[in-house]
């Protein structure tokens, strides 16, 4: 907090830290498109600053 009117917030994080995806994807004409599991996003590192007035 800088003063009573302004706040600064720092944040950081990692999504999918182990980069884990399934290793047994189906291939070919008879594959099951619904047979996919794991995280929705690849390994991601993020950081930011938030100002509040």
Protein backbone atom coordinates (compact mmCIF):
# COMPACT_ATOMS: atom_id res chain seq x y z
CA UNK A 1 0.00 0.00 0.00
CA UNK A 2 1.48 3.33 -1.08
CA UNK A 3 -1.01 5.46 0.83
CA UNK A 4 -4.68 5.30 1.83
CA UNK A 5 -5.85 5.83 -1.76
CA UNK A 6 -3.50 3.66 -3.85
CA UNK A 7 -2.67 -0.04 -3.48
CA UNK A 8 -0.14 -2.01 -5.54
CA UNK A 9 -0.42 -5.79 -5.74
CA UNK A 10 2.26 -8.05 -7.30
CA UNK A 11 1.38 -11.59 -8.35
CA UNK A 12 2.99 -14.52 -10.13
CA UNK A 13 2.23 -18.15 -10.80
CA UNK A 14 2.76 -21.28 -12.87
CA UNK A 15 0.02 -23.29 -14.57
CA UNK A 16 0.62 -26.96 -15.43
CA UNK A 17 3.92 -26.93 -13.53
CA UNK A 18 4.80 -30.54 -14.46
CA UNK A 19 3.67 -30.14 -18.10
CA UNK A 20 1.70 -33.38 -17.75
CA UNK A 21 -0.26 -34.66 -20.73
CA UNK A 22 -1.50 -38.13 -21.53
CA UNK A 23 0.98 -40.44 -23.21
CA UNK A 24 -1.49 -42.80 -24.93
CA UNK A 25 -3.27 -40.72 -27.59
CA UNK A 26 -5.46 -42.63 -30.05
CA UNK A 27 -4.35 -42.44 -33.70
CA UNK A 28 -5.85 -43.47 -37.02
CA UNK A 29 -9.29 -43.67 -38.55
CA UNK A 30 -11.01 -45.42 -35.62
CA UNK A 31 -9.69 -43.07 -32.93
CA UNK A 32 -11.96 -41.76 -30.20
CA UNK A 33 -11.85 -37.95 -30.34
CA UNK A 34 -13.32 -37.81 -26.83
CA UNK A 35 -10.44 -39.78 -25.35
CA UNK A 36 -8.24 -36.84 -24.39
CA UNK A 37 -7.44 -35.93 -20.83
CA UNK A 38 -5.01 -33.61 -19.16
CA UNK A 39 -4.64 -29.88 -18.71
CA UNK A 40 -6.34 -27.42 -21.06
CA UNK A 41 -3.25 -25.20 -21.38
CA UNK A 42 0.45 -25.87 -21.86
CA UNK A 43 3.03 -25.02 -19.21
CA UNK A 44 2.63 -21.30 -18.51
CA UNK A 45 4.48 -18.86 -16.25
CA UNK A 46 2.83 -15.52 -15.53
CA UNK A 47 3.43 -12.40 -13.45
CA UNK A 48 1.78 -9.05 -13.09
CA UNK A 49 1.13 -5.86 -11.17
CA UNK A 50 -2.30 -4.59 -10.19
CA UNK A 51 -2.95 -0.97 -9.22
CA UNK A 52 -6.07 -0.11 -7.20
CA UNK A 53 -7.20 3.42 -6.57
